[in-house]
Amino acid sequence: MPKKAKPAGSGKEEGPVPCKQMKVEAAGGPSALNFDSPSSLFESLISPIKTETFFKEFWEQKPLLIRRDDPALATYYRSLFKLTDLKSLCSRGMYYGRDVNVCRCVNGKKKVLNRDGKAHFLQLRKDFDQKRATIQFHQPQRFKDELWRIQEKLECYFGSLVGSNVYITPAGSQGLPPHYDDVEVFILQLEGEKHWRLYHPTVPLAREYSVEAEERIGRPVHEFVLKPGDLLYFPRGTIHQADTPAGLAHSTHVTISTYQNNSWGDFLLDTISGLVFDTAKEDVELRAGIPRQLLLQVESTTVATRRLSGFLRTLADRLEGTKELLSSDMKKDFIMHRLPPYSAGDGAELSTPGGKLPRLDSVVRLQFKDHIVLTVLPDQDQSDEAQEKMVYIYHSLKNRRETHMMGNEEETESHGLRFPLSHLDALKQIWNSSTISVKDLKLTTDEERESLVLSLWTECLIQVV
């Protein structure tokens, strides 16, 4: 069995020390995060590690521990979420299960101590103090502005949903048993200290969450204590467990996670249907019927397997020669469910067009580019037999922060525009230019040019410069 945390006050790592590449002393590290752009935010988040080094040596490969001795950064981290924040949040109407979980790891198993209905701060504090329970707060970016600001930028940077959970654990206690996740994980230590143990994956780059028994995972590969301002990264599938050392103050950390269902396998499943649809229009063999009673067979026949193999080679040949990959769901799902752009004000710039109305003699530029996707899809308003391709533009400007990463709790509405395929080149001009004159757009008539930019302007996607 892995050793327990050392008594309070030792402040030393025990067991195997993280490998040299994993431990980075950030002497005089950053005093705050840089929000100038998505890339600058990520660079400052993992500083002093360089982005190129991170993706070459650590991303999806092995853990990274970044230690920082920076009081300013530690203070900033504490501001992201504190135990005392729960009091004001509970007054807004938080519910067990949906917003808050109360749990404790007992004999290697998770014991859930949730009650029914609304969560009240006094009861949470009682379970925290008397039952030594961990309080898990789901998706705090819905309520904490600075986490919204961080995660919105990270969604732009990764092009993938970014969720978070806060874990507040009393001294001498552990909330969750050893387990692995299906997401890439960044841990920010906010309050107190947390003792971590990491183990070799049993399922590298796992696609689902799973608890692992202590006797199955062996001894930890890495063991250390995180302090405020420290950052820990590990890939999906990394088995881990964490506890708050006895005799110290409580620990608060936030887990920021991304890249769930964002693999090449997912992308293949997403794009293959469009590829088959297009190829079947031109290849009569793909339109031919399958053998009688094929669906009734217990095992697939040799003939069916051989035919499918041949079709896959045909699809591969077609893919080599195409520039357009039809994303049927991934692009739309990402943009529909992600955070809206961070706004320190009332967000009016995201819902009401501003500035001059675009005309034929205007020069325009795209805005909120990181929050828009352009994709070509079969017309979703026509029957299968008559489907023609259309250009769809989806954006997240009108998404609701309050429902971010909360599953299917409420019906999510997509926001965007639809244009004929003949508008694709003109739209690409707007996308690929810093600014462009309306009259230079590759469309047949001036009326089409004005109508296109007016539609984009109405959705707050472009502005006149």
Protein backbone atom coordinates (compact mmCIF):
# COMPACT_ATOMS: atom_id res chain seq x y z
CA MET A 1 0.00 0.00 0.00
CA PRO A 2 1.27 3.54 -0.73
CA LYS A 3 2.49 5.47 2.27
CA LYS A 4 0.29 8.14 3.82
CA ALA A 5 1.17 11.81 3.83
CA LYS A 6 3.84 12.92 6.27
CA PRO A 7 2.79 14.77 9.41
CA ALA A 8 1.97 18.44 9.07
CA GLY A 9 4.79 20.85 8.72
CA SER A 10 7.33 18.61 6.95
CA GLY A 11 6.55 20.15 3.58
CA LYS A 12 8.71 17.50 1.86
CA GLU A 13 7.91 15.11 -0.90
CA GLU A 14 8.03 11.46 0.00
CA GLY A 15 8.45 8.33 -2.04
CA PRO A 16 9.62 8.63 -5.65
CA VAL A 17 10.33 12.26 -6.48
CA PRO A 18 8.87 13.44 -9.81
CA CYS A 19 11.32 13.04 -12.66
CA LYS A 20 13.56 15.95 -13.49
CA GLN A 21 11.53 16.98 -16.53
CA MET A 22 8.37 16.88 -14.44
CA LYS A 23 9.54 19.19 -11.67
CA VAL A 24 10.19 22.79 -12.62
CA GLU A 25 11.13 25.42 -10.09
CA ALA A 26 9.55 28.62 -11.34
CA ALA A 27 11.83 31.12 -9.67
CA GLY A 28 10.33 34.54 -10.14
CA GLY A 29 7.48 33.07 -12.15
CA PRO A 30 4.50 34.98 -13.49
CA SER A 31 2.60 37.25 -11.13
CA ALA A 32 -0.63 36.96 -13.13
CA LEU A 33 -2.04 35.28 -16.20
CA ASN A 34 -1.82 36.98 -19.58
CA PHE A 35 -5.22 37.34 -21.27
CA ASP A 36 -4.04 39.14 -24.41
CA SER A 37 -4.83 36.08 -26.54
CA PRO A 38 -5.71 32.39 -26.09
CA SER A 39 -2.08 31.38 -26.75
CA SER A 40 -0.67 33.96 -24.32
CA LEU A 41 -3.10 32.77 -21.64
CA PHE A 42 -1.95 29.16 -22.03
CA GLU A 43 1.71 30.19 -22.12
CA SER A 44 1.32 32.07 -18.84
CA LEU A 45 -0.65 29.21 -17.30
CA ILE A 46 2.19 26.69 -17.82
CA SER A 47 5.08 29.17 -17.41
CA PRO A 48 8.04 28.73 -17.25
CA ILE A 49 7.54 25.66 -19.47
CA LYS A 50 7.43 26.66 -23.12
CA THR A 51 4.36 25.70 -25.14
CA GLU A 52 6.41 23.83 -27.73
CA THR A 53 8.12 21.81 -24.99
CA PHE A 54 4.81 21.04 -23.32
CA PHE A 55 3.18 19.58 -26.42
CA LYS A 56 6.32 17.75 -27.52
CA GLU A 57 7.19 16.14 -24.19
CA PHE A 58 4.12 16.07 -21.93
CA TRP A 59 0.74 16.42 -23.70
CA GLU A 60 -0.98 12.99 -23.79
CA GLN A 61 2.34 11.43 -22.67
CA LYS A 62 3.24 12.04 -19.02
CA PRO A 63 2.53 14.27 -16.02
CA LEU A 64 4.05 17.69 -15.46
CA LEU A 65 4.45 19.34 -12.06
CA ILE A 66 5.21 23.06 -11.99
CA ARG A 67 6.21 24.47 -8.62
CA ARG A 68 6.08 28.19 -8.12
CA ASP A 69 7.36 30.39 -5.35
CA ASP A 70 5.31 33.44 -6.29
CA PRO A 71 3.14 35.07 -3.59
CA ALA A 72 1.31 37.23 -6.14
CA LEU A 73 0.31 34.21 -8.22
CA ALA A 74 -0.68 32.26 -5.10
CA THR A 75 -2.94 35.18 -4.08
CA TYR A 76 -4.48 35.25 -7.54
CA TYR A 77 -5.14 31.50 -7.43
CA ARG A 78 -6.86 31.85 -4.04
CA SER A 79 -9.20 34.43 -5.56
CA LEU A 80 -10.49 31.87 -8.10
CA PHE A 81 -12.45 29.93 -5.47
CA LYS A 82 -12.42 29.75 -1.67
CA LEU A 83 -14.30 27.69 0.91
CA THR A 84 -16.04 30.88 2.04
CA ASP A 85 -17.45 31.39 -1.49
CA LEU A 86 -19.86 28.53 -0.85
CA LYS A 87 -21.94 30.67 1.51
CA SER A 88 -22.89 33.25 -1.11
CA LEU A 89 -23.28 30.59 -3.81
CA CYS A 90 -25.69 28.54 -1.68
CA SER A 91 -27.83 31.63 -1.20
CA ARG A 92 -28.35 31.67 -4.99
CA GLY A 93 -29.92 28.21 -4.97
CA MET A 94 -27.46 25.32 -5.32
CA TYR A 95 -28.69 21.72 -5.42
CA TYR A 96 -27.13 18.43 -4.37
CA GLY A 97 -26.08 16.30 -7.33
CA ARG A 98 -26.46 19.06 -9.88
CA ASP A 99 -24.19 21.70 -8.33
CA VAL A 100 -22.63 20.12 -5.25
CA ASN A 101 -21.47 16.66 -4.23
CA VAL A 102 -20.48 15.76 -0.67
CA CYS A 103 -18.32 12.63 -0.50
CA ARG A 104 -15.51 10.82 1.27
CA CYS A 105 -13.21 7.96 0.39
CA VAL A 106 -13.70 5.15 2.93
CA ASN A 107 -11.68 1.93 2.59
CA GLY A 108 -10.92 2.64 -1.04
CA LYS A 109 -14.54 3.35 -1.98
CA LYS A 110 -16.42 6.58 -2.59
CA LYS A 111 -19.12 7.28 -0.03
CA VAL A 112 -21.63 9.91 -1.21
CA LEU A 113 -23.20 11.96 1.60
CA ASN A 114 -25.56 14.06 -0.53
CA ARG A 115 -28.95 15.08 0.81
CA ASP A 116 -32.06 15.92 -1.19
CA GLY A 117 -32.91 19.28 -2.69
CA LYS A 118 -31.13 22.54 -2.02
CA ALA A 119 -27.70 22.67 -0.46
CA HIS A 120 -27.41 24.93 2.60
CA PHE A 121 -24.05 26.29 3.63
CA LEU A 122 -24.43 25.46 7.33
CA GLN A 123 -25.14 21.80 6.50
CA LEU A 124 -22.25 21.65 4.04
CA ARG A 125 -19.95 23.12 6.68
CA LYS A 126 -21.22 20.63 9.25
CA ASP A 127 -20.52 17.65 6.96
CA PHE A 128 -17.14 19.19 6.12
CA ASP A 129 -16.11 19.69 9.75
CA GLN A 130 -17.72 16.69 11.46
CA LYS A 131 -17.76 14.01 8.76
CA ARG A 132 -14.47 15.14 7.18
CA ALA A 133 -16.25 15.14 3.82
CA THR A 134 -14.97 16.66 0.58
CA ILE A 135 -17.18 19.26 -1.08
CA GLN A 136 -17.12 19.02 -4.86
CA PHE A 137 -18.54 22.05 -6.66
CA HIS A 138 -19.49 21.45 -10.30
CA GLN A 139 -18.60 23.89 -13.08
CA PRO A 140 -17.80 26.98 -10.96
CA GLN A 141 -17.14 29.00 -14.12
CA ARG A 142 -20.93 29.45 -14.24
CA PHE A 143 -20.66 31.79 -11.26
CA LYS A 144 -17.00 32.84 -10.84
CA ASP A 145 -16.06 35.44 -13.44
CA GLU A 146 -12.33 34.83 -13.42
CA LEU A 147 -12.77 31.11 -14.09
CA TRP A 148 -15.14 32.02 -16.94
CA ARG A 149 -12.41 34.27 -18.28
CA ILE A 150 -9.76 31.52 -18.07
CA GLN A 151 -11.87 28.71 -19.48
CA GLU A 152 -13.32 30.76 -22.33
CA LYS A 153 -9.78 31.53 -23.50
CA LEU A 154 -8.76 27.89 -23.12
CA GLU A 155 -11.74 26.77 -25.23
CA CYS A 156 -10.50 29.11 -27.94
CA TYR A 157 -6.98 27.73 -27.55
CA PHE A 158 -7.84 24.02 -27.61
CA GLY A 159 -10.92 24.17 -29.85
CA SER A 160 -12.54 21.85 -27.35
CA LEU A 161 -14.90 22.20 -24.39
CA VAL A 162 -13.19 23.09 -21.10
CA GLY A 163 -14.93 22.21 -17.84
CA SER A 164 -13.92 22.52 -14.20
CA ASN A 165 -14.65 21.20 -10.73
CA VAL A 166 -13.56 22.54 -7.36
CA TYR A 167 -12.61 20.11 -4.58
CA ILE A 168 -12.48 21.32 -0.96
CA THR A 169 -11.11 18.67 1.40
CA PRO A 170 -10.59 18.98 5.18
CA ALA A 171 -7.30 18.06 6.82
CA GLY A 172 -6.60 14.35 7.22
CA SER A 173 -9.20 13.32 4.68
CA GLN A 174 -9.62 12.07 1.11
CA GLY A 175 -12.61 12.63 -1.15
CA LEU A 176 -12.21 10.15 -4.00
CA PRO A 177 -10.64 6.66 -4.38
CA PRO A 178 -7.90 6.00 -6.95
CA HIS A 179 -9.35 6.51 -10.42
CA TYR A 180 -8.63 7.75 -13.91
CA ASP A 181 -10.50 10.22 -16.12
CA ASP A 182 -11.34 10.56 -19.82
CA VAL A 183 -10.06 14.16 -19.98
CA GLU A 184 -6.75 16.02 -20.01
CA VAL A 185 -6.39 17.51 -16.53
CA PHE A 186 -4.83 20.72 -15.22
CA ILE A 187 -4.84 21.09 -11.42
CA LEU A 188 -4.47 24.56 -9.87
CA GLN A 189 -3.84 24.51 -6.11
CA LEU A 190 -5.85 27.38 -4.60
CA GLU A 191 -5.85 26.99 -0.79
CA GLY A 192 -3.82 24.85 1.61
CA GLU A 193 -1.85 21.77 0.53
CA LYS A 194 -2.82 18.57 -1.27
CA HIS A 195 -0.88 15.31 -1.24
CA TRP A 196 -0.99 13.57 -4.64
CA ARG A 197 -0.10 10.07 -5.81
CA LEU A 198 0.06 9.25 -9.52
CA TYR A 199 0.29 5.75 -11.05
CA HIS A 200 0.99 4.27 -14.45
CA PRO A 201 -2.16 4.08 -16.61
CA THR A 202 -3.84 0.72 -17.09
CA VAL A 203 -5.70 2.26 -20.05
CA PRO A 204 -3.57 4.95 -21.77
CA LEU A 205 -5.64 7.88 -23.13
CA ALA A 206 -8.78 6.35 -21.62
CA ARG A 207 -12.17 7.12 -23.14
CA GLU A 208 -14.13 6.73 -19.91
CA TYR A 209 -13.89 7.31 -16.16
CA SER A 210 -13.05 4.31 -13.97
CA VAL A 211 -12.18 3.59 -10.33
CA GLU A 212 -9.15 1.35 -9.80
CA ALA A 213 -8.49 -0.90 -6.79
CA GLU A 214 -5.31 -0.17 -4.79
CA GLU A 215 -4.05 -3.75 -5.18
CA ARG A 216 -4.29 -3.45 -8.98
CA ILE A 217 -2.37 -0.20 -9.46
CA GLY A 218 0.79 -0.94 -7.44
CA ARG A 219 3.02 1.74 -5.99
CA PRO A 220 2.77 5.38 -7.09
CA VAL A 221 5.16 6.51 -9.81
CA HIS A 222 5.08 10.09 -8.48
CA GLU A 223 4.21 11.43 -5.04
CA PHE A 224 4.29 15.07 -3.95
CA VAL A 225 2.43 17.89 -2.19
CA LEU A 226 0.91 20.81 -4.10
CA LYS A 227 0.92 24.29 -2.57
CA PRO A 228 -0.96 27.46 -3.61
CA GLY A 229 0.27 28.66 -7.01
CA ASP A 230 1.45 25.20 -8.11
CA LEU A 231 0.12 23.55 -11.26
CA LEU A 232 -0.15 19.86 -12.08
CA TYR A 233 -0.97 18.41 -15.50
CA PHE A 234 -1.61 14.77 -16.36
CA PRO A 235 -3.04 12.98 -19.42
CA ARG A 236 -6.35 11.16 -19.52
CA GLY A 237 -5.99 7.64 -18.19
CA THR A 238 -3.47 8.65 -15.50
CA ILE A 239 -4.50 6.91 -12.26
CA HIS A 240 -4.45 9.31 -9.33
CA GLN A 241 -5.63 9.95 -5.80
CA ALA A 242 -5.20 12.93 -3.49
CA ASP A 243 -5.68 13.74 0.18
CA THR A 244 -5.18 16.69 2.50
CA PRO A 245 -2.34 16.10 5.00
CA ALA A 246 -3.43 15.82 8.64
CA GLY A 247 -2.89 18.76 10.95
CA LEU A 248 -2.95 21.38 8.19
CA ALA A 249 -5.69 23.71 6.99
CA HIS A 250 -8.19 22.47 4.42
CA SER A 251 -7.19 22.16 0.76
CA THR A 252 -8.96 23.71 -2.21
CA HIS A 253 -8.01 22.95 -5.78
CA VAL A 254 -9.71 23.40 -9.13
CA THR A 255 -9.50 20.75 -11.84
CA ILE A 256 -9.67 22.25 -15.34
CA SER A 257 -10.31 19.57 -17.94
CA THR A 258 -10.52 19.32 -21.72
CA TYR A 259 -10.35 16.99 -24.76
CA GLN A 260 -13.21 14.69 -23.82
CA ASN A 261 -14.29 12.71 -26.91
CA ASN A 262 -11.90 14.74 -29.03
CA SER A 263 -9.73 11.97 -30.49
CA TRP A 264 -8.93 10.95 -34.06
CA GLY A 265 -11.42 8.13 -33.57
CA ASP A 266 -14.16 10.61 -32.72
CA PHE A 267 -13.22 12.80 -35.69
CA LEU A 268 -13.28 9.78 -38.00
CA LEU A 269 -16.76 8.83 -36.83
CA ASP A 270 -17.85 12.44 -37.30
CA THR A 271 -16.56 12.88 -40.85
CA ILE A 272 -17.04 9.41 -42.33
CA SER A 273 -20.81 9.78 -42.77
CA GLY A 274 -20.39 12.86 -44.97
CA LEU A 275 -17.70 11.14 -46.98
CA VAL A 276 -19.94 8.09 -47.55
CA PHE A 277 -22.87 10.34 -48.47
CA ASP A 278 -20.86 12.16 -51.15
CA THR A 279 -19.20 9.03 -52.53
CA ALA A 280 -22.50 7.15 -52.81
CA LYS A 281 -23.80 9.88 -55.11
CA GLU A 282 -21.09 9.01 -57.62
CA ASP A 283 -20.44 5.29 -57.00
CA VAL A 284 -23.29 2.99 -58.00
CA GLU A 285 -21.71 0.07 -56.08
CA LEU A 286 -22.24 1.93 -52.80
CA ARG A 287 -25.89 2.37 -53.73
CA ALA A 288 -26.39 -1.34 -54.45
CA GLY A 289 -28.33 -3.32 -51.86
CA ILE A 290 -26.68 -5.52 -49.28
CA PRO A 291 -27.20 -9.33 -49.56
CA ARG A 292 -30.55 -10.70 -48.46
CA GLN A 293 -30.76 -11.61 -44.77
CA LEU A 294 -27.33 -10.09 -44.03
CA LEU A 295 -28.74 -8.34 -40.98
CA LEU A 296 -30.03 -11.66 -39.66
CA GLN A 297 -26.61 -13.33 -39.65
CA VAL A 298 -24.98 -14.08 -36.29
CA GLU A 299 -21.52 -13.45 -37.76
CA SER A 300 -20.56 -11.25 -40.67
CA THR A 301 -19.88 -13.17 -43.88
CA THR A 302 -16.56 -13.24 -45.68
CA VAL A 303 -18.21 -11.65 -48.70
CA ALA A 304 -19.58 -8.76 -46.63
CA THR A 305 -16.22 -8.16 -44.93
CA ARG A 306 -14.43 -8.17 -48.28
CA ARG A 307 -16.91 -5.72 -49.82
CA LEU A 308 -16.65 -3.35 -46.83
CA SER A 309 -12.86 -3.46 -47.02
CA GLY A 310 -13.06 -2.49 -50.67
CA PHE A 311 -15.45 0.37 -49.94
CA LEU A 312 -13.12 1.67 -47.21
CA ARG A 313 -10.25 1.73 -49.71
CA THR A 314 -12.48 3.66 -52.12
CA LEU A 315 -13.29 6.16 -49.38
CA ALA A 316 -9.60 6.50 -48.49
CA ASP A 317 -8.75 7.26 -52.13
CA ARG A 318 -11.49 9.89 -52.26
CA LEU A 319 -10.32 11.42 -48.99
CA GLU A 320 -6.81 11.86 -50.35
CA GLY A 321 -8.16 14.13 -53.07
CA THR A 322 -10.61 16.27 -51.09
CA LYS A 323 -10.14 19.57 -49.28
CA GLU A 324 -13.53 19.65 -47.62
CA LEU A 325 -14.23 17.39 -44.66
CA LEU A 326 -17.88 17.43 -43.68
CA SER A 327 -18.09 17.55 -39.89
CA SER A 328 -21.58 16.34 -39.09
CA ASP A 329 -21.68 16.96 -35.35
CA MET A 330 -18.39 17.81 -33.64
CA LYS A 331 -18.10 21.40 -34.86
CA LYS A 332 -21.72 22.19 -34.12
CA ASP A 333 -21.74 20.47 -30.73
CA PHE A 334 -18.61 22.32 -29.63
CA ILE A 335 -19.88 25.74 -30.60
CA MET A 336 -23.37 25.10 -29.16
CA HIS A 337 -22.14 24.02 -25.75
CA ARG A 338 -19.09 26.21 -25.15
CA LEU A 339 -18.84 29.38 -23.09
CA PRO A 340 -19.81 32.73 -24.62
CA PRO A 341 -17.02 35.32 -24.96
CA TYR A 342 -15.92 36.73 -21.63
CA SER A 343 -17.50 40.13 -20.99
CA ALA A 344 -16.71 42.35 -18.03
CA GLY A 345 -19.76 44.52 -18.77
CA ASP A 346 -23.36 43.72 -19.58
CA GLY A 347 -22.51 41.75 -22.71
CA ALA A 348 -24.52 44.06 -24.97
CA GLU A 349 -21.81 43.91 -27.64
CA LEU A 350 -22.60 40.22 -28.07
CA SER A 351 -26.31 40.63 -28.77
CA THR A 352 -26.79 44.02 -30.42
CA PRO A 353 -24.99 45.08 -33.62
CA GLY A 354 -22.87 48.16 -33.12
CA GLY A 355 -21.08 50.69 -35.28
CA LYS A 356 -21.84 51.56 -38.87
CA LEU A 357 -24.18 49.55 -41.07
CA PRO A 358 -22.07 47.79 -43.75
CA ARG A 359 -22.53 48.99 -47.33
CA LEU A 360 -21.02 48.10 -50.68
CA ASP A 361 -18.22 50.66 -50.21
CA SER A 362 -17.44 49.50 -46.64
CA VAL A 363 -14.36 47.71 -45.39
CA VAL A 364 -15.22 45.02 -42.85
CA ARG A 365 -13.48 42.58 -40.55
CA LEU A 366 -14.50 39.48 -38.68
CA GLN A 367 -14.84 39.74 -34.90
CA PHE A 368 -15.05 36.97 -32.27
CA LYS A 369 -13.37 34.66 -34.81
CA ASP A 370 -12.46 32.16 -32.09
CA HIS A 371 -16.17 31.78 -31.31
CA ILE A 372 -17.36 30.96 -34.83
CA VAL A 373 -17.20 27.84 -36.97
CA LEU A 374 -17.89 27.65 -40.69
CA THR A 375 -18.90 24.27 -42.06
CA VAL A 376 -20.50 22.76 -45.16
CA LEU A 377 -23.40 20.39 -44.54
CA PRO A 378 -26.30 18.89 -46.47
CA ASP A 379 -29.32 21.19 -46.22
CA GLN A 380 -31.01 20.14 -43.00
CA ASP A 381 -34.38 21.51 -44.11
CA GLN A 382 -34.71 19.22 -47.13
CA SER A 383 -35.53 15.54 -47.50
CA ASP A 384 -32.67 13.08 -47.99
CA GLU A 385 -33.43 12.70 -51.68
CA ALA A 386 -33.20 16.41 -52.41
CA GLN A 387 -30.42 17.45 -50.03
CA GLU A 388 -28.01 20.03 -51.35
CA LYS A 389 -24.95 21.33 -49.55
CA MET A 390 -25.24 24.60 -47.68
CA VAL A 391 -22.73 26.73 -45.77
CA TYR A 392 -23.55 26.90 -42.06
CA ILE A 393 -22.05 29.42 -39.66
CA TYR A 394 -22.50 28.64 -35.98
CA HIS A 395 -21.39 30.93 -33.16
CA SER A 396 -21.40 31.00 -29.36
CA LEU A 397 -22.06 34.71 -28.80
CA LYS A 398 -25.55 34.04 -27.42
CA ASN A 399 -24.71 30.92 -25.41
CA ARG A 400 -25.71 30.89 -21.75
CA ARG A 401 -22.85 30.74 -19.32
CA GLU A 402 -25.22 29.43 -16.60
CA THR A 403 -25.73 26.10 -18.40
CA HIS A 404 -22.12 25.50 -19.51
CA MET A 405 -21.07 21.84 -19.17
CA MET A 406 -24.30 20.95 -17.37
CA GLY A 407 -25.32 18.19 -19.76
CA ASN A 408 -28.86 18.08 -21.14
CA GLU A 409 -30.35 19.94 -18.21
CA GLU A 410 -31.90 22.39 -20.64
CA GLU A 411 -32.46 22.24 -24.37
CA THR A 412 -29.53 23.95 -26.07
CA GLU A 413 -30.26 26.16 -29.06
CA SER A 414 -27.81 26.66 -31.90
CA HIS A 415 -27.16 30.19 -33.10
CA GLY A 416 -25.98 31.10 -36.56
CA LEU A 417 -26.67 31.57 -40.25
CA ARG A 418 -27.09 29.52 -43.42
CA PHE A 419 -25.96 30.48 -46.92
CA PRO A 420 -25.97 28.88 -50.38
CA LEU A 421 -22.81 26.99 -51.29
CA SER A 422 -22.09 29.74 -53.86
CA HIS A 423 -21.25 32.05 -50.92
CA LEU A 424 -18.45 29.81 -49.61
CA ASP A 425 -15.56 31.59 -51.40
CA ALA A 426 -16.74 35.01 -50.24
CA LEU A 427 -17.06 33.78 -46.67
CA LYS A 428 -13.56 32.30 -46.83
CA GLN A 429 -12.30 35.71 -47.97
CA ILE A 430 -13.77 37.31 -44.86
CA TRP A 431 -12.39 34.54 -42.64
CA ASN A 432 -8.88 34.64 -44.06
CA SER A 433 -8.43 38.44 -44.31
CA SER A 434 -7.72 40.89 -41.51
CA THR A 435 -9.95 43.36 -43.38
CA ILE A 436 -11.68 43.21 -46.76
CA SER A 437 -13.69 45.54 -48.97
CA VAL A 438 -17.28 44.43 -49.49
CA LYS A 439 -17.11 45.13 -53.21
CA ASP A 440 -14.18 42.67 -53.53
CA LEU A 441 -16.18 39.70 -52.27
CA LYS A 442 -16.40 36.84 -54.78
CA LEU A 443 -20.14 36.97 -55.44
CA THR A 444 -22.12 37.51 -58.64
CA THR A 445 -24.01 40.69 -57.74
CA ASP A 446 -23.61 43.71 -55.48
CA GLU A 447 -26.94 42.84 -53.91
CA GLU A 448 -25.54 39.47 -52.80
CA ARG A 449 -22.43 41.16 -51.39
CA GLU A 450 -24.43 43.66 -49.33
CA SER A 451 -26.89 41.03 -48.18
CA LEU A 452 -24.08 38.75 -46.99
CA VAL A 453 -22.28 41.35 -44.87
CA LEU A 454 -25.55 42.69 -43.49
CA SER A 455 -26.50 39.19 -42.31
CA LEU A 456 -23.11 38.76 -40.61
CA TRP A 457 -23.31 42.24 -39.07
CA THR A 458 -26.79 41.56 -37.67
CA GLU A 459 -25.35 38.53 -35.83
CA CYS A 460 -22.47 40.75 -34.47
CA LEU A 461 -19.93 38.67 -36.42
CA ILE A 462 -18.39 41.53 -38.41
CA GLN A 463 -17.79 45.24 -37.91
CA VAL A 464 -17.12 48.11 -40.27
CA VAL A 465 -13.60 49.53 -39.95
